[in-house]
Amino acid sequence: MKKSDVQVNLRLPIELKEKIHAIAKKNNRTLNNELNIRLVASFNAPTPSNQQQITHDLHEFFENYQKSNRLIDISNRLHLLVNEANYLHKMPLLNPSLLAYQLDFDTACNVEAWFDGRVEPKFDDLKQIAKIFGCSKDWLLFGLGRPFQAKKLPDFDSFDQLIEFIITPDDPYNTLTNIYLIRCDNLAGELGILKQYNDRTCQFFTTDIYLNENLTEKQAYKTAFFSLVIYVLTHADAMPNCFGYVLDGELFMRLLEGKEHPLKVINKAEHGEYGEWCFDLFDISFGHNKKNWVNWADFYEKNLTFIKNTPYLNEIYTRLLNQQHPIFQSNFPFFDIE
């Protein structure tokens, strides 16, 4: 026995002594060692003084070892959406508390737990968040596709149906504020369309339309057909704001990839590649005064010639120039030329 140890004489009931002795033998300890170990352990039991630390340790354990991959994935997606939204110009910075307020929650605790990866949001909550940020529901709910997945512009044989699609908000939105017509600044001159519903939400569409002077017959028809739609967008009253952009290949590819918020990409080009090419595709003199691409004049001339040599397109073109198409009288629904 150490000099610092204190000897204590205990009187134990015979039954208790036999139980302790049996456990000590099983643990390969002396009776005295077993009693010492159990006595020390009794003072480590939860008490008001150490309860908080024990709770913290247990919480840390579950945080480190019990968090599911889905919770982590959803947390990462939510952080990505907030970061992308906070790149947008003239918009207040978002955080979990503001998002909780937009979701009409009484407190921000649950939303903060979503961002921390501690609690899984309900599917309905995730759908509402997808609407707020304008991202893909499939990506946010299931990790499928890209956050801002591009869609393909449908094919329309009807001129009026194509106009109606372009100027109509897409589900789940009921407003359309801006339309961006975006030409990739390469030889092919691919055209993309961005429909903006509010300050944070939009949808990018790819097309089979090319703005260049060397087109096949089929490409020339589609491009000429759509150039008439552009004329309506930029000349008729009661249309959403329409803007023309010429983006370099790198920025255009970022729109196609759908990993970033399209309005963020547009903002990067706003002061450099913004142009007004879409305001009058049929007036060469107008084009000389605006920012355009190489060989734009050849495209203008060939496109107009194709329209005038195609009876159906020329009929629409003539009526548009004379403002005889019903859209100029806001006569909805539209009707097609027979």
C-alpha atoms as a PDB file:
ATOM      1  CA  MET A   1       0.000   0.000   0.000  1.00  0.00           C
ATOM      2  CA  LYS A   2       1.275   3.464  -0.957  1.00  0.00           C
ATOM      3  CA  LYS A   3       1.960   5.960   1.811  1.00  0.00           C
ATOM      4  CA  SER A   4      -0.639   8.313   0.229  1.00  0.00           C
ATOM      5  CA  ASP A   5      -3.333   5.622   0.313  1.00  0.00           C
ATOM      6  CA  VAL A   6      -5.815   5.477   3.141  1.00  0.00           C
ATOM      7  CA  GLN A   7      -6.911   2.184   4.602  1.00  0.00           C
ATOM      8  CA  VAL A   8     -10.626   1.800   5.159  1.00  0.00           C
ATOM      9  CA  ASN A   9     -12.268  -1.122   6.902  1.00  0.00           C
ATOM     10  CA  LEU A  10     -15.596  -2.088   5.340  1.00  0.00           C
ATOM     11  CA  ARG A  11     -18.291  -4.322   6.761  1.00  0.00           C
ATOM     12  CA  LEU A  12     -20.090  -5.977   3.821  1.00  0.00           C
ATOM     13  CA  PRO A  13     -23.005  -8.400   3.809  1.00  0.00           C
ATOM     14  CA  ILE A  14     -21.749 -11.883   3.009  1.00  0.00           C
ATOM     15  CA  GLU A  15     -23.915 -12.083  -0.138  1.00  0.00           C
ATOM     16  CA  LEU A  16     -22.436  -8.819  -1.519  1.00  0.00           C
ATOM     17  CA  LYS A  17     -18.885  -9.899  -0.709  1.00  0.00           C
ATOM     18  CA  GLU A  18     -19.431 -13.179  -2.572  1.00  0.00           C
ATOM     19  CA  LYS A  19     -20.809 -11.350  -5.658  1.00  0.00           C
ATOM     20  CA  ILE A  20     -17.847  -8.941  -5.744  1.00  0.00           C
ATOM     21  CA  HIS A  21     -15.411 -11.786  -5.229  1.00  0.00           C
ATOM     22  CA  ALA A  22     -16.952 -13.747  -8.144  1.00  0.00           C
ATOM     23  CA  ILE A  23     -16.716 -10.704 -10.474  1.00  0.00           C
ATOM     24  CA  ALA A  24     -13.133 -10.006  -9.347  1.00  0.00           C
ATOM     25  CA  LYS A  25     -12.170 -13.598 -10.104  1.00  0.00           C
ATOM     26  CA  LYS A  26     -13.803 -13.354 -13.539  1.00  0.00           C
ATOM     27  CA  ASN A  27     -11.879 -10.124 -14.247  1.00  0.00           C
ATOM     28  CA  ASN A  28      -8.658 -11.657 -12.909  1.00  0.00           C
ATOM     29  CA  ARG A  29      -8.455  -9.087 -10.122  1.00  0.00           C
ATOM     30  CA  THR A  30      -8.100  -9.194  -6.371  1.00  0.00           C
ATOM     31  CA  LEU A  31     -11.095  -8.355  -4.251  1.00  0.00           C
ATOM     32  CA  ASN A  32      -9.403  -5.117  -3.187  1.00  0.00           C
ATOM     33  CA  ASN A  33      -8.690  -4.039  -6.818  1.00  0.00           C
ATOM     34  CA  GLU A  34     -12.228  -4.771  -7.899  1.00  0.00           C
ATOM     35  CA  LEU A  35     -13.609  -2.691  -5.035  1.00  0.00           C
ATOM     36  CA  ASN A  36     -11.261   0.214  -5.885  1.00  0.00           C
ATOM     37  CA  ILE A  37     -12.188   0.211  -9.605  1.00  0.00           C
ATOM     38  CA  ARG A  38     -15.913   0.128  -8.886  1.00  0.00           C
ATOM     39  CA  LEU A  39     -15.651   2.867  -6.285  1.00  0.00           C
ATOM     40  CA  VAL A  40     -13.788   5.207  -8.699  1.00  0.00           C
ATOM     41  CA  ALA A  41     -16.264   4.467 -11.507  1.00  0.00           C
ATOM     42  CA  SER A  42     -19.181   5.373  -9.279  1.00  0.00           C
ATOM     43  CA  PHE A  43     -17.957   8.977  -9.146  1.00  0.00           C
ATOM     44  CA  ASN A  44     -17.885   9.205 -12.979  1.00  0.00           C
ATOM     45  CA  ALA A  45     -21.619   8.642 -13.299  1.00  0.00           C
ATOM     46  CA  PRO A  46     -23.686  11.527 -14.787  1.00  0.00           C
ATOM     47  CA  THR A  47     -24.206  14.365 -12.342  1.00  0.00           C
ATOM     48  CA  PRO A  48     -25.452  17.933 -12.846  1.00  0.00           C
ATOM     49  CA  SER A  49     -21.809  19.026 -13.059  1.00  0.00           C
ATOM     50  CA  ASN A  50     -20.726  16.678 -15.853  1.00  0.00           C
ATOM     51  CA  GLN A  51     -24.061  16.051 -17.632  1.00  0.00           C
ATOM     52  CA  GLN A  52     -23.426  18.838 -20.196  1.00  0.00           C
ATOM     53  CA  GLN A  53     -20.014  17.459 -21.156  1.00  0.00           C
ATOM     54  CA  ILE A  54     -21.378  13.940 -21.530  1.00  0.00           C
ATOM     55  CA  THR A  55     -24.203  15.264 -23.744  1.00  0.00           C
ATOM     56  CA  HIS A  56     -21.679  17.173 -25.863  1.00  0.00           C
ATOM     57  CA  ASP A  57     -19.497  14.080 -26.259  1.00  0.00           C
ATOM     58  CA  LEU A  58     -22.460  11.954 -27.314  1.00  0.00           C
ATOM     59  CA  HIS A  59     -23.587  14.616 -29.811  1.00  0.00           C
ATOM     60  CA  GLU A  60     -20.089  14.769 -31.265  1.00  0.00           C
ATOM     61  CA  PHE A  61     -20.032  11.000 -31.592  1.00  0.00           C
ATOM     62  CA  PHE A  62     -23.281  10.916 -33.548  1.00  0.00           C
ATOM     63  CA  GLU A  63     -22.145  13.875 -35.673  1.00  0.00           C
ATOM     64  CA  ASN A  64     -18.942  12.096 -36.659  1.00  0.00           C
ATOM     65  CA  TYR A  65     -20.188   8.556 -37.117  1.00  0.00           C
ATOM     66  CA  GLN A  66     -23.934   8.529 -37.624  1.00  0.00           C
ATOM     67  CA  LYS A  67     -24.536  11.286 -40.248  1.00  0.00           C
ATOM     68  CA  SER A  68     -25.864   9.765 -43.477  1.00  0.00           C
ATOM     69  CA  ASN A  69     -24.488  10.536 -46.916  1.00  0.00           C
ATOM     70  CA  ARG A  70     -27.872  11.956 -47.952  1.00  0.00           C
ATOM     71  CA  LEU A  71     -27.798  14.534 -45.157  1.00  0.00           C
ATOM     72  CA  ILE A  72     -24.311  15.597 -46.224  1.00  0.00           C
ATOM     73  CA  ASP A  73     -25.300  15.733 -49.906  1.00  0.00           C
ATOM     74  CA  ILE A  74     -28.381  17.859 -49.263  1.00  0.00           C
ATOM     75  CA  SER A  75     -26.363  20.166 -47.022  1.00  0.00           C
ATOM     76  CA  ASN A  76     -23.801  20.653 -49.801  1.00  0.00           C
ATOM     77  CA  ARG A  77     -26.541  21.359 -52.356  1.00  0.00           C
ATOM     78  CA  LEU A  78     -28.158  23.964 -50.120  1.00  0.00           C
ATOM     79  CA  HIS A  79     -24.837  25.707 -49.557  1.00  0.00           C
ATOM     80  CA  LEU A  80     -24.197  25.719 -53.324  1.00  0.00           C
ATOM     81  CA  LEU A  81     -27.576  27.345 -54.000  1.00  0.00           C
ATOM     82  CA  VAL A  82     -27.025  30.080 -51.432  1.00  0.00           C
ATOM     83  CA  ASN A  83     -23.513  30.770 -52.720  1.00  0.00           C
ATOM     84  CA  GLU A  84     -24.745  31.009 -56.326  1.00  0.00           C
ATOM     85  CA  ALA A  85     -27.660  33.266 -55.371  1.00  0.00           C
ATOM     86  CA  ASN A  86     -25.340  35.557 -53.433  1.00  0.00           C
ATOM     87  CA  TYR A  87     -23.326  36.210 -56.605  1.00  0.00           C
ATOM     88  CA  LEU A  88     -26.294  37.957 -58.209  1.00  0.00           C
ATOM     89  CA  HIS A  89     -26.196  41.713 -58.494  1.00  0.00           C
ATOM     90  CA  LYS A  90     -28.387  44.007 -56.405  1.00  0.00           C
ATOM     91  CA  MET A  91     -29.785  41.185 -54.297  1.00  0.00           C
ATOM     92  CA  PRO A  92     -29.620  40.921 -50.489  1.00  0.00           C
ATOM     93  CA  LEU A  93     -27.370  38.112 -49.292  1.00  0.00           C
ATOM     94  CA  LEU A  94     -29.235  34.940 -48.388  1.00  0.00           C
ATOM     95  CA  ASN A  95     -28.596  32.791 -45.322  1.00  0.00           C
ATOM     96  CA  PRO A  96     -30.499  29.981 -43.547  1.00  0.00           C
ATOM     97  CA  SER A  97     -32.501  32.442 -41.429  1.00  0.00           C
ATOM     98  CA  LEU A  98     -33.724  34.428 -44.434  1.00  0.00           C
ATOM     99  CA  LEU A  99     -34.537  31.209 -46.254  1.00  0.00           C
ATOM    100  CA  ALA A 100     -36.574  30.032 -43.253  1.00  0.00           C
ATOM    101  CA  TYR A 101     -38.467  33.329 -43.366  1.00  0.00           C
ATOM    102  CA  GLN A 102     -39.209  32.890 -47.087  1.00  0.00           C
ATOM    103  CA  LEU A 103     -40.466  29.378 -46.343  1.00  0.00           C
ATOM    104  CA  ASP A 104     -42.826  30.939 -43.770  1.00  0.00           C
ATOM    105  CA  PHE A 105     -41.310  29.024 -40.846  1.00  0.00           C
ATOM    106  CA  ASP A 106     -41.723  30.292 -37.285  1.00  0.00           C
ATOM    107  CA  THR A 107     -38.037  29.732 -36.481  1.00  0.00           C
ATOM    108  CA  ALA A 108     -34.799  29.117 -38.371  1.00  0.00           C
ATOM    109  CA  CYS A 109     -33.686  26.112 -36.279  1.00  0.00           C
ATOM    110  CA  ASN A 110     -34.805  23.438 -38.732  1.00  0.00           C
ATOM    111  CA  VAL A 111     -33.318  25.221 -41.740  1.00  0.00           C
ATOM    112  CA  GLU A 112     -30.009  25.692 -39.933  1.00  0.00           C
ATOM    113  CA  ALA A 113     -30.070  21.962 -39.143  1.00  0.00           C
ATOM    114  CA  TRP A 114     -30.556  21.257 -42.880  1.00  0.00           C
ATOM    115  CA  PHE A 115     -27.525  23.341 -43.761  1.00  0.00           C
ATOM    116  CA  ASP A 116     -25.486  21.660 -41.012  1.00  0.00           C
ATOM    117  CA  GLY A 117     -26.471  18.210 -42.274  1.00  0.00           C
ATOM    118  CA  ARG A 118     -28.173  17.220 -39.016  1.00  0.00           C
ATOM    119  CA  VAL A 119     -31.771  16.949 -40.224  1.00  0.00           C
ATOM    120  CA  GLU A 120     -33.245  15.955 -43.586  1.00  0.00           C
ATOM    121  CA  PRO A 121     -35.766  18.395 -45.112  1.00  0.00           C
ATOM    122  CA  LYS A 122     -39.139  17.090 -46.235  1.00  0.00           C
ATOM    123  CA  PHE A 123     -39.597  16.607 -49.976  1.00  0.00           C
ATOM    124  CA  ASP A 124     -42.196  19.396 -50.054  1.00  0.00           C
ATOM    125  CA  ASP A 125     -39.708  21.761 -48.408  1.00  0.00           C
ATOM    126  CA  LEU A 126     -37.063  20.879 -50.995  1.00  0.00           C
ATOM    127  CA  LYS A 127     -39.538  21.505 -53.827  1.00  0.00           C
ATOM    128  CA  GLN A 128     -40.292  24.929 -52.386  1.00  0.00           C
ATOM    129  CA  ILE A 129     -36.568  25.696 -52.098  1.00  0.00           C
ATOM    130  CA  ALA A 130     -36.069  24.654 -55.732  1.00  0.00           C
ATOM    131  CA  LYS A 131     -38.747  27.174 -56.705  1.00  0.00           C
ATOM    132  CA  ILE A 132     -37.122  29.943 -54.652  1.00  0.00           C
ATOM    133  CA  PHE A 133     -33.706  29.411 -56.244  1.00  0.00           C
ATOM    134  CA  GLY A 134     -34.885  28.364 -59.702  1.00  0.00           C
ATOM    135  CA  CYS A 135     -32.854  25.161 -59.633  1.00  0.00           C
ATOM    136  CA  SER A 136     -33.674  21.655 -60.846  1.00  0.00           C
ATOM    137  CA  LYS A 137     -35.992  19.752 -58.492  1.00  0.00           C
ATOM    138  CA  ASP A 138     -34.502  16.417 -59.560  1.00  0.00           C
ATOM    139  CA  TRP A 139     -31.030  17.665 -58.669  1.00  0.00           C
ATOM    140  CA  LEU A 140     -32.010  19.089 -55.276  1.00  0.00           C
ATOM    141  CA  LEU A 141     -34.149  16.119 -54.225  1.00  0.00           C
ATOM    142  CA  PHE A 142     -32.180  13.236 -55.727  1.00  0.00           C
ATOM    143  CA  GLY A 143     -28.849  14.547 -57.030  1.00  0.00           C
ATOM    144  CA  LEU A 144     -29.856  13.912 -60.658  1.00  0.00           C
ATOM    145  CA  GLY A 145     -28.577  16.150 -63.443  1.00  0.00           C
ATOM    146  CA  ARG A 146     -27.165  19.625 -62.827  1.00  0.00           C
ATOM    147  CA  PRO A 147     -28.298  22.401 -60.450  1.00  0.00           C
ATOM    148  CA  PHE A 148     -29.388  24.683 -63.315  1.00  0.00           C
ATOM    149  CA  GLN A 149     -30.052  22.090 -65.996  1.00  0.00           C
ATOM    150  CA  ALA A 150     -30.514  23.526 -69.497  1.00  0.00           C
ATOM    151  CA  LYS A 151     -33.648  22.525 -71.408  1.00  0.00           C
ATOM    152  CA  LYS A 152     -34.190  22.114 -75.139  1.00  0.00           C
ATOM    153  CA  LEU A 153     -36.444  24.617 -76.910  1.00  0.00           C
ATOM    154  CA  PRO A 154     -39.371  22.592 -78.333  1.00  0.00           C
ATOM    155  CA  ASP A 155     -39.947  22.543 -82.083  1.00  0.00           C
ATOM    156  CA  PHE A 156     -42.944  24.541 -83.287  1.00  0.00           C
ATOM    157  CA  ASP A 157     -44.411  24.605 -86.793  1.00  0.00           C
ATOM    158  CA  SER A 158     -46.755  27.365 -85.685  1.00  0.00           C
ATOM    159  CA  PHE A 159     -45.328  30.891 -85.564  1.00  0.00           C
ATOM    160  CA  ASP A 160     -47.829  32.058 -82.953  1.00  0.00           C
ATOM    161  CA  GLN A 161     -47.326  29.001 -80.741  1.00  0.00           C
ATOM    162  CA  LEU A 162     -43.587  29.642 -80.686  1.00  0.00           C
ATOM    163  CA  ILE A 163     -44.139  33.276 -79.667  1.00  0.00           C
ATOM    164  CA  GLU A 164     -46.586  32.168 -76.991  1.00  0.00           C
ATOM    165  CA  PHE A 165     -44.065  29.691 -75.579  1.00  0.00           C
ATOM    166  CA  ILE A 166     -41.292  32.293 -75.500  1.00  0.00           C
ATOM    167  CA  ILE A 167     -43.343  34.929 -73.650  1.00  0.00           C
ATOM    168  CA  THR A 168     -45.170  32.561 -71.260  1.00  0.00           C
ATOM    169  CA  PRO A 169     -43.744  31.834 -67.777  1.00  0.00           C
ATOM    170  CA  ASP A 170     -42.856  28.206 -67.156  1.00  0.00           C
ATOM    171  CA  ASP A 171     -44.211  26.166 -64.262  1.00  0.00           C
ATOM    172  CA  PRO A 172     -44.129  26.930 -61.311  1.00  0.00           C
ATOM    173  CA  TYR A 173     -43.784  30.676 -62.033  1.00  0.00           C
ATOM    174  CA  ASN A 174     -46.468  33.153 -63.085  1.00  0.00           C
ATOM    175  CA  THR A 175     -44.338  36.095 -64.225  1.00  0.00           C
ATOM    176  CA  LEU A 176     -41.746  36.636 -66.950  1.00  0.00           C
ATOM    177  CA  THR A 177     -39.616  39.759 -66.617  1.00  0.00           C
ATOM    178  CA  ASN A 178     -36.774  39.407 -69.132  1.00  0.00           C
ATOM    179  CA  ILE A 179     -35.794  37.397 -72.191  1.00  0.00           C
ATOM    180  CA  TYR A 180     -32.109  37.078 -73.086  1.00  0.00           C
ATOM    181  CA  LEU A 181     -31.150  36.036 -76.611  1.00  0.00           C
ATOM    182  CA  ILE A 182     -27.592  34.766 -76.351  1.00  0.00           C
ATOM    183  CA  ARG A 183     -25.338  34.088 -79.321  1.00  0.00           C
ATOM    184  CA  CYS A 184     -22.142  32.103 -78.804  1.00  0.00           C
ATOM    185  CA  ASP A 185     -19.276  34.087 -80.322  1.00  0.00           C
ATOM    186  CA  ASN A 186     -17.894  31.331 -82.538  1.00  0.00           C
ATOM    187  CA  LEU A 187     -18.222  30.411 -86.207  1.00  0.00           C
ATOM    188  CA  ALA A 188     -21.399  28.381 -85.640  1.00  0.00           C
ATOM    189  CA  GLY A 189     -23.100  31.139 -83.650  1.00  0.00           C
ATOM    190  CA  GLU A 190     -25.366  28.880 -81.566  1.00  0.00           C
ATOM    191  CA  LEU A 191     -28.339  30.687 -80.057  1.00  0.00           C
ATOM    192  CA  GLY A 192     -29.435  30.171 -76.457  1.00  0.00           C
ATOM    193  CA  ILE A 193     -32.509  31.641 -74.778  1.00  0.00           C
ATOM    194  CA  LEU A 194     -32.749  32.628 -71.124  1.00  0.00           C
ATOM    195  CA  LYS A 195     -36.182  33.273 -69.632  1.00  0.00           C
ATOM    196  CA  GLN A 196     -36.043  35.206 -66.344  1.00  0.00           C
ATOM    197  CA  TYR A 197     -39.016  34.957 -63.975  1.00  0.00           C
ATOM    198  CA  ASN A 198     -37.851  37.119 -61.073  1.00  0.00           C
ATOM    199  CA  ASP A 199     -34.633  38.428 -59.534  1.00  0.00           C
ATOM    200  CA  ARG A 200     -33.358  34.951 -58.604  1.00  0.00           C
ATOM    201  CA  THR A 201     -35.006  32.501 -60.985  1.00  0.00           C
ATOM    202  CA  CYS A 202     -34.645  31.742 -64.691  1.00  0.00           C
ATOM    203  CA  GLN A 203     -34.375  28.891 -67.205  1.00  0.00           C
ATOM    204  CA  PHE A 204     -31.823  28.494 -69.992  1.00  0.00           C
ATOM    205  CA  PHE A 205     -32.897  26.844 -73.258  1.00  0.00           C
ATOM    206  CA  THR A 206     -30.673  25.435 -75.974  1.00  0.00           C
ATOM    207  CA  THR A 207     -31.857  25.650 -79.592  1.00  0.00           C
ATOM    208  CA  ASP A 208     -31.152  24.365 -83.099  1.00  0.00           C
ATOM    209  CA  ILE A 209     -30.837  27.972 -84.270  1.00  0.00           C
ATOM    210  CA  TYR A 210     -27.523  29.288 -85.615  1.00  0.00           C
ATOM    211  CA  LEU A 211     -26.700  32.891 -86.420  1.00  0.00           C
ATOM    212  CA  ASN A 212     -24.065  32.629 -89.138  1.00  0.00           C
ATOM    213  CA  GLU A 213     -23.841  33.164 -92.876  1.00  0.00           C
ATOM    214  CA  ASN A 214     -23.185  29.504 -93.841  1.00  0.00           C
ATOM    215  CA  LEU A 215     -26.319  27.500 -93.062  1.00  0.00           C
ATOM    216  CA  THR A 216     -27.939  24.442 -94.599  1.00  0.00           C
ATOM    217  CA  GLU A 217     -31.448  24.819 -96.012  1.00  0.00           C
ATOM    218  CA  LYS A 218     -33.005  23.359 -92.857  1.00  0.00           C
ATOM    219  CA  GLN A 219     -30.885  25.518 -90.548  1.00  0.00           C
ATOM    220  CA  ALA A 220     -31.613  28.620 -92.614  1.00  0.00           C
ATOM    221  CA  TYR A 221     -35.373  28.013 -92.323  1.00  0.00           C
ATOM    222  CA  LYS A 222     -35.281  27.556 -88.543  1.00  0.00           C
ATOM    223  CA  THR A 223     -33.115  30.627 -88.099  1.00  0.00           C
ATOM    224  CA  ALA A 224     -35.242  32.786 -90.398  1.00  0.00           C
ATOM    225  CA  PHE A 225     -38.397  31.532 -88.668  1.00  0.00           C
ATOM    226  CA  PHE A 226     -37.023  32.479 -85.271  1.00  0.00           C
ATOM    227  CA  SER A 227     -35.682  35.837 -86.469  1.00  0.00           C
ATOM    228  CA  LEU A 228     -39.308  36.806 -87.145  1.00  0.00           C
ATOM    229  CA  VAL A 229     -40.111  35.892 -83.539  1.00  0.00           C
ATOM    230  CA  ILE A 230     -37.232  38.109 -82.413  1.00  0.00           C
ATOM    231  CA  TYR A 231     -38.764  40.970 -84.391  1.00  0.00           C
ATOM    232  CA  VAL A 232     -42.014  40.549 -82.449  1.00  0.00           C
ATOM    233  CA  LEU A 233     -40.186  40.424 -79.113  1.00  0.00           C
ATOM    234  CA  THR A 234     -38.380  43.682 -79.830  1.00  0.00           C
ATOM    235  CA  HIS A 235     -41.145  45.650 -81.586  1.00  0.00           C
ATOM    236  CA  ALA A 236     -44.543  44.654 -80.172  1.00  0.00           C
ATOM    237  CA  ASP A 237     -45.974  46.287 -77.070  1.00  0.00           C
ATOM    238  CA  ALA A 238     -46.636  44.371 -73.858  1.00  0.00           C
ATOM    239  CA  MET A 239     -43.614  42.118 -74.399  1.00  0.00           C
ATOM    240  CA  PRO A 240     -41.117  41.246 -71.647  1.00  0.00           C
ATOM    241  CA  ASN A 241     -37.815  43.117 -71.795  1.00  0.00           C
ATOM    242  CA  CYS A 242     -35.599  41.584 -74.488  1.00  0.00           C
ATOM    243  CA  PHE A 243     -31.788  41.734 -74.483  1.00  0.00           C
ATOM    244  CA  GLY A 244     -29.206  40.480 -76.940  1.00  0.00           C
ATOM    245  CA  TYR A 245     -25.865  39.060 -75.844  1.00  0.00           C
ATOM    246  CA  VAL A 246     -22.785  37.817 -77.643  1.00  0.00           C
ATOM    247  CA  LEU A 247     -20.930  35.539 -75.200  1.00  0.00           C
ATOM    248  CA  ASP A 248     -17.498  34.050 -75.678  1.00  0.00           C
ATOM    249  CA  GLY A 249     -17.301  30.275 -75.949  1.00  0.00           C
ATOM    250  CA  GLU A 250     -16.190  29.760 -72.347  1.00  0.00           C
ATOM    251  CA  LEU A 251     -19.147  31.652 -70.845  1.00  0.00           C
ATOM    252  CA  PHE A 252     -21.613  30.030 -73.249  1.00  0.00           C
ATOM    253  CA  MET A 253     -20.307  26.583 -72.269  1.00  0.00           C
ATOM    254  CA  ARG A 254     -20.897  27.421 -68.607  1.00  0.00           C
ATOM    255  CA  LEU A 255     -24.544  28.090 -69.437  1.00  0.00           C
ATOM    256  CA  LEU A 256     -24.759  24.724 -71.208  1.00  0.00           C
ATOM    257  CA  GLU A 257     -23.142  22.858 -68.302  1.00  0.00           C
ATOM    258  CA  GLY A 258     -25.730  24.123 -65.814  1.00  0.00           C
ATOM    259  CA  LYS A 259     -23.395  24.066 -62.810  1.00  0.00           C
ATOM    260  CA  GLU A 260     -23.736  27.806 -62.132  1.00  0.00           C
ATOM    261  CA  HIS A 261     -26.660  30.177 -61.878  1.00  0.00           C
ATOM    262  CA  PRO A 262     -27.289  31.485 -65.430  1.00  0.00           C
ATOM    263  CA  LEU A 263     -27.865  35.046 -64.191  1.00  0.00           C
ATOM    264  CA  LYS A 264     -24.453  34.923 -62.529  1.00  0.00           C
ATOM    265  CA  VAL A 265     -22.886  34.019 -65.893  1.00  0.00           C
ATOM    266  CA  ILE A 266     -24.848  36.802 -67.618  1.00  0.00           C
ATOM    267  CA  ASN A 267     -23.671  39.292 -65.005  1.00  0.00           C
ATOM    268  CA  LYS A 268     -20.072  38.450 -65.835  1.00  0.00           C
ATOM    269  CA  ALA A 269     -20.702  39.434 -69.457  1.00  0.00           C
ATOM    270  CA  GLU A 270     -22.975  42.403 -68.837  1.00  0.00           C
ATOM    271  CA  HIS A 271     -20.320  45.061 -69.279  1.00  0.00           C
ATOM    272  CA  GLY A 272     -18.262  43.352 -71.951  1.00  0.00           C
ATOM    273  CA  GLU A 273     -20.264  41.268 -74.402  1.00  0.00           C
ATOM    274  CA  TYR A 274     -23.692  42.871 -74.109  1.00  0.00           C
ATOM    275  CA  GLY A 275     -25.028  43.872 -77.519  1.00  0.00           C
ATOM    276  CA  GLU A 276     -28.179  45.028 -79.247  1.00  0.00           C
ATOM    277  CA  TRP A 277     -27.995  42.771 -82.280  1.00  0.00           C
ATOM    278  CA  CYS A 278     -31.514  41.474 -81.686  1.00  0.00           C
ATOM    279  CA  PHE A 279     -33.245  44.858 -81.954  1.00  0.00           C
ATOM    280  CA  ASP A 280     -33.484  44.866 -85.747  1.00  0.00           C
ATOM    281  CA  LEU A 281     -32.207  41.835 -87.620  1.00  0.00           C
ATOM    282  CA  PHE A 282     -33.617  43.151 -90.901  1.00  0.00           C
ATOM    283  CA  ASP A 283     -31.945  46.563 -90.953  1.00  0.00           C
ATOM    284  CA  ILE A 284     -28.284  46.497 -91.990  1.00  0.00           C
ATOM    285  CA  SER A 285     -27.889  50.221 -91.283  1.00  0.00           C
ATOM    286  CA  PHE A 286     -29.040  49.625 -87.707  1.00  0.00           C
ATOM    287  CA  GLY A 287     -26.547  46.803 -87.288  1.00  0.00           C
ATOM    288  CA  HIS A 288     -23.592  49.018 -88.219  1.00  0.00           C
ATOM    289  CA  ASN A 289     -24.172  51.103 -85.100  1.00  0.00           C
ATOM    290  CA  LYS A 290     -24.379  48.200 -82.647  1.00  0.00           C
ATOM    291  CA  LYS A 291     -22.037  45.622 -81.161  1.00  0.00           C
ATOM    292  CA  ASN A 292     -22.147  42.586 -83.438  1.00  0.00           C
ATOM    293  CA  TRP A 293     -20.035  39.614 -84.417  1.00  0.00           C
ATOM    294  CA  VAL A 294     -17.665  39.033 -87.318  1.00  0.00           C
ATOM    295  CA  ASN A 295     -19.536  38.622 -90.634  1.00  0.00           C
ATOM    296  CA  TRP A 296     -22.809  39.708 -89.060  1.00  0.00           C
ATOM    297  CA  ALA A 297     -23.690  41.777 -92.157  1.00  0.00           C
ATOM    298  CA  ASP A 298     -23.510  38.696 -94.409  1.00  0.00           C
ATOM    299  CA  PHE A 299     -25.840  36.885 -92.038  1.00  0.00           C
ATOM    300  CA  TYR A 300     -28.339  39.775 -92.000  1.00  0.00           C
ATOM    301  CA  GLU A 301     -28.424  39.881 -95.798  1.00  0.00           C
ATOM    302  CA  LYS A 302     -28.724  36.122 -96.374  1.00  0.00           C
ATOM    303  CA  ASN A 303     -31.347  35.724 -93.657  1.00  0.00           C
ATOM    304  CA  LEU A 304     -33.560  38.461 -95.105  1.00  0.00           C
ATOM    305  CA  THR A 305     -33.146  37.076 -98.633  1.00  0.00           C
ATOM    306  CA  PHE A 306     -34.192  33.611 -97.415  1.00  0.00           C
ATOM    307  CA  ILE A 307     -37.312  35.068 -95.771  1.00  0.00           C
ATOM    308  CA  LYS A 308     -38.355  36.970 -98.887  1.00  0.00           C
ATOM    309  CA  ASN A 309     -37.852  33.868-101.047  1.00  0.00           C
ATOM    310  CA  THR A 310     -39.963  31.650 -98.757  1.00  0.00           C
ATOM    311  CA  PRO A 311     -43.685  32.433 -99.246  1.00  0.00           C
ATOM    312  CA  TYR A 312     -44.879  31.464 -95.746  1.00  0.00           C
ATOM    313  CA  LEU A 313     -42.099  33.410 -94.031  1.00  0.00           C
ATOM    314  CA  ASN A 314     -42.462  36.368 -96.376  1.00  0.00           C
ATOM    315  CA  GLU A 315     -46.192  36.538 -95.598  1.00  0.00           C
ATOM    316  CA  ILE A 316     -45.445  36.775 -91.866  1.00  0.00           C
ATOM    317  CA  TYR A 317     -42.611  39.241 -92.484  1.00  0.00           C
ATOM    318  CA  THR A 318     -44.823  41.580 -94.512  1.00  0.00           C
ATOM    319  CA  ARG A 319     -47.581  41.554 -91.919  1.00  0.00           C
ATOM    320  CA  LEU A 320     -45.109  42.222 -89.126  1.00  0.00           C
ATOM    321  CA  LEU A 321     -43.538  45.182 -90.909  1.00  0.00           C
ATOM    322  CA  ASN A 322     -46.998  46.663 -91.480  1.00  0.00           C
ATOM    323  CA  GLN A 323     -48.012  45.802 -87.897  1.00  0.00           C
ATOM    324  CA  GLN A 324     -50.952  43.826 -89.229  1.00  0.00           C
ATOM    325  CA  HIS A 325     -50.259  40.735 -87.152  1.00  0.00           C
ATOM    326  CA  PRO A 326     -52.758  40.381 -84.247  1.00  0.00           C
ATOM    327  CA  ILE A 327     -49.985  40.550 -81.684  1.00  0.00           C
ATOM    328  CA  PHE A 328     -49.593  44.250 -82.408  1.00  0.00           C
ATOM    329  CA  GLN A 329     -53.194  44.744 -81.350  1.00  0.00           C
ATOM    330  CA  SER A 330     -52.678  42.459 -78.313  1.00  0.00           C
ATOM    331  CA  ASN A 331     -55.364  40.242 -79.804  1.00  0.00           C
ATOM    332  CA  PHE A 332     -54.864  37.039 -77.813  1.00  0.00           C
ATOM    333  CA  PRO A 333     -54.961  34.161 -78.379  1.00  0.00           C
ATOM    334  CA  PHE A 334     -52.801  34.338 -81.475  1.00  0.00           C
ATOM    335  CA  PHE A 335     -53.823  32.840 -84.774  1.00  0.00           C
ATOM    336  CA  ASP A 336     -51.678  31.621 -87.606  1.00  0.00           C
ATOM    337  CA  ILE A 337     -51.562  32.681 -91.209  1.00  0.00           C
ATOM    338  CA  GLU A 338     -53.322  30.097 -93.341  1.00  0.00           C
END
